[in-house]
Amino acid sequence: MMSDIQWALAHDLPASELVPMLNKLLRHADPDSRAALFGKRKLAELIVQDQPWRSALLARELLKAEATPGGEPDERTWALLGLAQTLLGNYRAAAAAYRQAMALAPHFPMCAHNLGHLLDVALNRPGDALKYLEQAYAALPNEPEIGSSYAHALVRAGQHGRAKTVLSDALDGDASAAERLLAEWLRSDPPGSPVRLACSEQR
């Protein structure tokens, strides 16, 4: 069964085919076996967007196994739990999970991005978000999503000039488009008001 799953993963089979295979593996494998832990991780990653509640449960089972003697803490598990909790609307729990991930792997740019974005738009703390978004932007300056999130927090924190520079770069140098978008953000997401959160998958 494991060899079939490994083959399916290597050949990029769609989730619609992988999920039943992983569910079958979990029905038959010893719950504490290496195969079961592998299956839980892959299944949680595949279903997090559509079934965040189950993904969160699987992530917690993995964390419990990682906390046992001989277990190895994995920042990916905490990041996965953070994403699942974000999708469930449990923003404080999500932020706590992302912080745990970054405690294990301080240089984790997509986790830093997700935590910063969460602090900015869900918890209305753009100033606190900046250090995480700055870290993500420094690591991946050519990633438009990160640049946009960083600019959003910057403008809400009152740093309009820096926000315009960062957003212009994210928009291929279009300073006029950046200025229009920043103005729109300030109209719809003024400092002091929580805004709608767009979730990103962990990478």
C-alpha atoms as a PDB file:
ATOM      1  CA  MET A   1       0.000   0.000   0.000  1.00  0.00           C
ATOM      2  CA  MET A   2       2.838   2.386   0.857  1.00  0.00           C
ATOM      3  CA  SER A   3       4.565   1.686  -2.451  1.00  0.00           C
ATOM      4  CA  ASP A   4       1.343   2.508  -4.329  1.00  0.00           C
ATOM      5  CA  ILE A   5       1.038   5.808  -2.472  1.00  0.00           C
ATOM      6  CA  GLN A   6       4.673   6.676  -3.081  1.00  0.00           C
ATOM      7  CA  TRP A   7       4.177   5.959  -6.778  1.00  0.00           C
ATOM      8  CA  ALA A   8       1.023   8.108  -6.845  1.00  0.00           C
ATOM      9  CA  LEU A   9       2.835  10.995  -5.168  1.00  0.00           C
ATOM     10  CA  ALA A  10       5.811  10.694  -7.509  1.00  0.00           C
ATOM     11  CA  HIS A  11       3.466  10.864 -10.496  1.00  0.00           C
ATOM     12  CA  ASP A  12       1.413  13.792  -9.136  1.00  0.00           C
ATOM     13  CA  LEU A  13      -1.895  11.978  -9.057  1.00  0.00           C
ATOM     14  CA  PRO A  14      -4.773  14.295  -8.101  1.00  0.00           C
ATOM     15  CA  ALA A  15      -6.089  14.545  -4.564  1.00  0.00           C
ATOM     16  CA  SER A  16      -9.280  12.779  -5.655  1.00  0.00           C
ATOM     17  CA  GLU A  17      -7.195   9.627  -6.139  1.00  0.00           C
ATOM     18  CA  LEU A  18      -4.696  10.116  -3.328  1.00  0.00           C
ATOM     19  CA  VAL A  19      -7.170  10.826  -0.524  1.00  0.00           C
ATOM     20  CA  PRO A  20      -8.943   7.422  -0.751  1.00  0.00           C
ATOM     21  CA  MET A  21      -5.552   5.682  -0.813  1.00  0.00           C
ATOM     22  CA  LEU A  22      -4.410   7.547   2.288  1.00  0.00           C
ATOM     23  CA  ASN A  23      -7.685   6.873   4.101  1.00  0.00           C
ATOM     24  CA  LYS A  24      -7.283   3.169   3.335  1.00  0.00           C
ATOM     25  CA  LEU A  25      -3.716   3.260   4.650  1.00  0.00           C
ATOM     26  CA  LEU A  26      -4.880   4.822   7.919  1.00  0.00           C
ATOM     27  CA  ARG A  27      -7.600   2.201   8.336  1.00  0.00           C
ATOM     28  CA  HIS A  28      -5.069  -0.621   8.102  1.00  0.00           C
ATOM     29  CA  ALA A  29      -1.838   0.739   9.585  1.00  0.00           C
ATOM     30  CA  ASP A  30      -0.953   0.637  13.272  1.00  0.00           C
ATOM     31  CA  PRO A  31      -1.875   4.132  14.567  1.00  0.00           C
ATOM     32  CA  ASP A  32       1.631   4.759  15.888  1.00  0.00           C
ATOM     33  CA  SER A  33       3.515   3.274  12.952  1.00  0.00           C
ATOM     34  CA  ARG A  34       5.736   5.256  10.622  1.00  0.00           C
ATOM     35  CA  ALA A  35       3.298   4.477   7.786  1.00  0.00           C
ATOM     36  CA  ALA A  36       0.355   5.907   9.748  1.00  0.00           C
ATOM     37  CA  LEU A  37       2.246   9.091  10.595  1.00  0.00           C
ATOM     38  CA  PHE A  38       3.233   9.489   6.953  1.00  0.00           C
ATOM     39  CA  GLY A  39      -0.377   8.956   5.903  1.00  0.00           C
ATOM     40  CA  LYS A  40      -1.718  11.462   8.424  1.00  0.00           C
ATOM     41  CA  ARG A  41       0.679  14.164   7.275  1.00  0.00           C
ATOM     42  CA  LYS A  42      -0.040  13.714   3.577  1.00  0.00           C
ATOM     43  CA  LEU A  43      -3.779  13.473   4.138  1.00  0.00           C
ATOM     44  CA  ALA A  44      -3.842  16.573   6.361  1.00  0.00           C
ATOM     45  CA  GLU A  45      -1.955  18.543   3.704  1.00  0.00           C
ATOM     46  CA  LEU A  46      -4.274  17.430   0.920  1.00  0.00           C
ATOM     47  CA  ILE A  47      -7.581  18.100   2.668  1.00  0.00           C
ATOM     48  CA  VAL A  48      -6.770  21.278   4.608  1.00  0.00           C
ATOM     49  CA  GLN A  49      -8.615  23.609   2.219  1.00  0.00           C
ATOM     50  CA  ASP A  50     -11.778  21.492   2.001  1.00  0.00           C
ATOM     51  CA  GLN A  51     -11.751  19.829   5.436  1.00  0.00           C
ATOM     52  CA  PRO A  52      -9.782  22.114   7.773  1.00  0.00           C
ATOM     53  CA  TRP A  53     -11.400  20.644  10.889  1.00  0.00           C
ATOM     54  CA  ARG A  54     -10.204  17.119  10.081  1.00  0.00           C
ATOM     55  CA  SER A  55      -6.837  18.447   8.958  1.00  0.00           C
ATOM     56  CA  ALA A  56      -6.443  20.173  12.336  1.00  0.00           C
ATOM     57  CA  LEU A  57      -7.274  16.930  14.145  1.00  0.00           C
ATOM     58  CA  LEU A  58      -4.684  15.032  12.117  1.00  0.00           C
ATOM     59  CA  ALA A  59      -2.091  17.740  12.782  1.00  0.00           C
ATOM     60  CA  ARG A  60      -2.757  17.479  16.522  1.00  0.00           C
ATOM     61  CA  GLU A  61      -2.299  13.700  16.354  1.00  0.00           C
ATOM     62  CA  LEU A  62       1.026  14.243  14.615  1.00  0.00           C
ATOM     63  CA  LEU A  63       2.090  16.790  17.243  1.00  0.00           C
ATOM     64  CA  LYS A  64       1.232  14.319  19.994  1.00  0.00           C
ATOM     65  CA  ALA A  65       3.388  11.667  18.311  1.00  0.00           C
ATOM     66  CA  GLU A  66       6.223  14.154  17.820  1.00  0.00           C
ATOM     67  CA  ALA A  67       6.139  15.000  21.535  1.00  0.00           C
ATOM     68  CA  THR A  68       6.718  11.395  22.645  1.00  0.00           C
ATOM     69  CA  PRO A  69      10.211  10.063  23.495  1.00  0.00           C
ATOM     70  CA  GLY A  70      11.995   9.476  20.230  1.00  0.00           C
ATOM     71  CA  GLY A  71       9.682  11.820  18.385  1.00  0.00           C
ATOM     72  CA  GLU A  72      11.036  14.754  16.443  1.00  0.00           C
ATOM     73  CA  PRO A  73       9.232  18.128  16.503  1.00  0.00           C
ATOM     74  CA  ASP A  74       8.475  19.287  12.972  1.00  0.00           C
ATOM     75  CA  GLU A  75       7.758  22.900  12.100  1.00  0.00           C
ATOM     76  CA  ARG A  76       5.663  21.750   9.137  1.00  0.00           C
ATOM     77  CA  THR A  77       3.125  20.204  11.498  1.00  0.00           C
ATOM     78  CA  TRP A  78       2.698  23.433  13.437  1.00  0.00           C
ATOM     79  CA  ALA A  79       2.451  25.406  10.181  1.00  0.00           C
ATOM     80  CA  LEU A  80      -0.198  23.010   8.897  1.00  0.00           C
ATOM     81  CA  LEU A  81      -2.163  23.411  12.122  1.00  0.00           C
ATOM     82  CA  GLY A  82      -1.828  27.180  11.739  1.00  0.00           C
ATOM     83  CA  LEU A  83      -3.316  27.073   8.256  1.00  0.00           C
ATOM     84  CA  ALA A  84      -6.161  24.788   9.341  1.00  0.00           C
ATOM     85  CA  GLN A  85      -7.006  27.023  12.293  1.00  0.00           C
ATOM     86  CA  THR A  86      -6.911  30.082  10.035  1.00  0.00           C
ATOM     87  CA  LEU A  87      -9.397  28.479   7.662  1.00  0.00           C
ATOM     88  CA  LEU A  88     -11.608  27.625  10.639  1.00  0.00           C
ATOM     89  CA  GLY A  89     -11.513  31.257  11.774  1.00  0.00           C
ATOM     90  CA  ASN A  90      -9.594  30.463  14.972  1.00  0.00           C
ATOM     91  CA  TYR A  91      -7.116  33.265  14.388  1.00  0.00           C
ATOM     92  CA  ARG A  92      -5.452  33.436  17.808  1.00  0.00           C
ATOM     93  CA  ALA A  93      -4.915  29.677  17.822  1.00  0.00           C
ATOM     94  CA  ALA A  94      -3.537  29.942  14.287  1.00  0.00           C
ATOM     95  CA  ALA A  95      -1.078  32.662  15.309  1.00  0.00           C
ATOM     96  CA  ALA A  96       0.073  30.549  18.261  1.00  0.00           C
ATOM     97  CA  ALA A  97       0.667  27.575  15.963  1.00  0.00           C
ATOM     98  CA  TYR A  98       2.661  29.664  13.484  1.00  0.00           C
ATOM     99  CA  ARG A  99       4.792  31.003  16.332  1.00  0.00           C
ATOM    100  CA  GLN A 100       5.542  27.445  17.413  1.00  0.00           C
ATOM    101  CA  ALA A 101       6.597  26.638  13.851  1.00  0.00           C
ATOM    102  CA  MET A 102       8.919  29.615  13.739  1.00  0.00           C
ATOM    103  CA  ALA A 103      10.410  28.739  17.117  1.00  0.00           C
ATOM    104  CA  LEU A 104      11.521  25.458  15.530  1.00  0.00           C
ATOM    105  CA  ALA A 105      12.533  27.005  12.189  1.00  0.00           C
ATOM    106  CA  PRO A 106      13.165  30.762  12.484  1.00  0.00           C
ATOM    107  CA  HIS A 107      13.999  31.025   8.770  1.00  0.00           C
ATOM    108  CA  PHE A 108      10.673  29.811   7.356  1.00  0.00           C
ATOM    109  CA  PRO A 109       9.538  32.557   4.952  1.00  0.00           C
ATOM    110  CA  MET A 110       6.079  31.290   4.037  1.00  0.00           C
ATOM    111  CA  CYS A 111       5.287  30.697   7.695  1.00  0.00           C
ATOM    112  CA  ALA A 112       6.526  34.206   8.514  1.00  0.00           C
ATOM    113  CA  HIS A 113       4.304  35.522   5.719  1.00  0.00           C
ATOM    114  CA  ASN A 114       1.223  33.680   6.928  1.00  0.00           C
ATOM    115  CA  LEU A 115       1.767  34.796  10.526  1.00  0.00           C
ATOM    116  CA  GLY A 116       2.339  38.415   9.498  1.00  0.00           C
ATOM    117  CA  HIS A 117      -0.676  38.445   7.195  1.00  0.00           C
ATOM    118  CA  LEU A 118      -2.798  36.947   9.969  1.00  0.00           C
ATOM    119  CA  LEU A 119      -1.676  39.581  12.470  1.00  0.00           C
ATOM    120  CA  ASP A 120      -2.376  42.366   9.984  1.00  0.00           C
ATOM    121  CA  VAL A 121      -5.742  41.477   8.532  1.00  0.00           C
ATOM    122  CA  ALA A 122      -7.383  39.145  11.064  1.00  0.00           C
ATOM    123  CA  LEU A 123      -6.057  40.410  14.383  1.00  0.00           C
ATOM    124  CA  ASN A 124      -5.734  44.061  13.292  1.00  0.00           C
ATOM    125  CA  ARG A 125      -2.112  44.389  14.419  1.00  0.00           C
ATOM    126  CA  PRO A 126      -0.253  45.681  11.341  1.00  0.00           C
ATOM    127  CA  GLY A 127       2.613  47.053  13.422  1.00  0.00           C
ATOM    128  CA  ASP A 128       3.261  43.646  14.983  1.00  0.00           C
ATOM    129  CA  ALA A 129       2.920  42.022  11.559  1.00  0.00           C
ATOM    130  CA  LEU A 130       5.765  43.993  10.009  1.00  0.00           C
ATOM    131  CA  LYS A 131       8.699  42.061  11.485  1.00  0.00           C
ATOM    132  CA  TYR A 132       7.358  38.793  10.104  1.00  0.00           C
ATOM    133  CA  LEU A 133       6.448  40.232   6.715  1.00  0.00           C
ATOM    134  CA  GLU A 134       9.830  41.965   6.477  1.00  0.00           C
ATOM    135  CA  GLN A 135      11.502  38.622   7.123  1.00  0.00           C
ATOM    136  CA  ALA A 136       9.421  36.888   4.456  1.00  0.00           C
ATOM    137  CA  TYR A 137      10.017  39.711   1.983  1.00  0.00           C
ATOM    138  CA  ALA A 138      13.778  39.671   2.585  1.00  0.00           C
ATOM    139  CA  ALA A 139      13.838  35.932   1.870  1.00  0.00           C
ATOM    140  CA  LEU A 140      11.491  35.993  -1.138  1.00  0.00           C
ATOM    141  CA  PRO A 141      11.491  39.545  -2.566  1.00  0.00           C
ATOM    142  CA  ASN A 142      10.205  38.417  -5.969  1.00  0.00           C
ATOM    143  CA  GLU A 143       7.088  36.685  -4.604  1.00  0.00           C
ATOM    144  CA  PRO A 144       4.193  39.067  -5.467  1.00  0.00           C
ATOM    145  CA  GLU A 145       1.875  37.703  -2.776  1.00  0.00           C
ATOM    146  CA  ILE A 146       4.451  38.382  -0.076  1.00  0.00           C
ATOM    147  CA  GLY A 147       5.188  41.857  -1.444  1.00  0.00           C
ATOM    148  CA  SER A 148       1.489  42.701  -1.486  1.00  0.00           C
ATOM    149  CA  SER A 149       0.954  41.489   2.069  1.00  0.00           C
ATOM    150  CA  TYR A 150       3.987  43.437   3.274  1.00  0.00           C
ATOM    151  CA  ALA A 151       2.785  46.605   1.523  1.00  0.00           C
ATOM    152  CA  HIS A 152      -0.695  46.188   3.006  1.00  0.00           C
ATOM    153  CA  ALA A 153       0.705  46.061   6.546  1.00  0.00           C
ATOM    154  CA  LEU A 154       3.097  48.926   5.839  1.00  0.00           C
ATOM    155  CA  VAL A 155       0.399  51.304   4.641  1.00  0.00           C
ATOM    156  CA  ARG A 156      -1.904  50.393   7.528  1.00  0.00           C
ATOM    157  CA  ALA A 157       1.022  51.038   9.899  1.00  0.00           C
ATOM    158  CA  GLY A 158       1.484  54.515   8.418  1.00  0.00           C
ATOM    159  CA  GLN A 159       4.565  53.804   6.251  1.00  0.00           C
ATOM    160  CA  HIS A 160       3.097  54.913   2.931  1.00  0.00           C
ATOM    161  CA  GLY A 161       6.375  55.595   1.108  1.00  0.00           C
ATOM    162  CA  ARG A 162       7.857  52.202   1.850  1.00  0.00           C
ATOM    163  CA  ALA A 163       4.516  50.556   1.056  1.00  0.00           C
ATOM    164  CA  LYS A 164       4.434  52.212  -2.382  1.00  0.00           C
ATOM    165  CA  THR A 165       7.983  51.052  -3.193  1.00  0.00           C
ATOM    166  CA  VAL A 166       7.301  47.459  -2.165  1.00  0.00           C
ATOM    167  CA  LEU A 167       3.932  47.283  -3.921  1.00  0.00           C
ATOM    168  CA  SER A 168       5.330  48.860  -7.106  1.00  0.00           C
ATOM    169  CA  ASP A 169       7.943  46.109  -7.238  1.00  0.00           C
ATOM    170  CA  ALA A 170       5.239  43.474  -6.709  1.00  0.00           C
ATOM    171  CA  LEU A 171       3.296  45.023  -9.621  1.00  0.00           C
ATOM    172  CA  ASP A 172       6.258  44.945 -12.018  1.00  0.00           C
ATOM    173  CA  GLY A 173       7.216  48.561 -11.392  1.00  0.00           C
ATOM    174  CA  ASP A 174       3.760  50.076 -11.942  1.00  0.00           C
ATOM    175  CA  ALA A 175       3.887  52.928  -9.407  1.00  0.00           C
ATOM    176  CA  SER A 176       0.527  54.379 -10.524  1.00  0.00           C
ATOM    177  CA  ALA A 177      -1.247  51.067  -9.993  1.00  0.00           C
ATOM    178  CA  ALA A 178       0.462  50.732  -6.627  1.00  0.00           C
ATOM    179  CA  GLU A 179      -0.726  54.174  -5.547  1.00  0.00           C
ATOM    180  CA  ARG A 180      -4.297  53.411  -6.595  1.00  0.00           C
ATOM    181  CA  LEU A 181      -4.289  50.093  -4.740  1.00  0.00           C
ATOM    182  CA  LEU A 182      -2.829  51.606  -1.580  1.00  0.00           C
ATOM    183  CA  ALA A 183      -5.522  54.294  -1.611  1.00  0.00           C
ATOM    184  CA  GLU A 184      -8.174  51.617  -2.066  1.00  0.00           C
ATOM    185  CA  TRP A 185      -6.771  49.647   0.863  1.00  0.00           C
ATOM    186  CA  LEU A 186      -6.818  52.695   3.096  1.00  0.00           C
ATOM    187  CA  ARG A 187     -10.439  53.372   2.156  1.00  0.00           C
ATOM    188  CA  SER A 188     -11.644  49.815   2.693  1.00  0.00           C
ATOM    189  CA  ASP A 189      -9.168  48.660   5.385  1.00  0.00           C
ATOM    190  CA  PRO A 190      -8.332  51.762   7.460  1.00  0.00           C
ATOM    191  CA  PRO A 191      -5.988  51.358  10.419  1.00  0.00           C
ATOM    192  CA  GLY A 192      -7.930  50.175  13.436  1.00  0.00           C
ATOM    193  CA  SER A 193     -10.399  48.079  11.449  1.00  0.00           C
ATOM    194  CA  PRO A 194     -10.102  44.311  10.932  1.00  0.00           C
ATOM    195  CA  VAL A 195     -10.218  43.229   7.308  1.00  0.00           C
ATOM    196  CA  ARG A 196     -11.042  40.050   5.472  1.00  0.00           C
ATOM    197  CA  LEU A 197      -8.340  37.397   5.585  1.00  0.00           C
ATOM    198  CA  ALA A 198      -7.202  35.600   2.438  1.00  0.00           C
ATOM    199  CA  CYS A 199      -5.501  32.336   3.354  1.00  0.00           C
ATOM    200  CA  SER A 200      -2.358  30.986   1.769  1.00  0.00           C
ATOM    201  CA  GLU A 201      -1.152  27.440   1.638  1.00  0.00           C
ATOM    202  CA  GLN A 202       2.054  26.713   3.458  1.00  0.00           C
ATOM    203  CA  ARG A 203       5.049  26.018   1.242  1.00  0.00           C
END
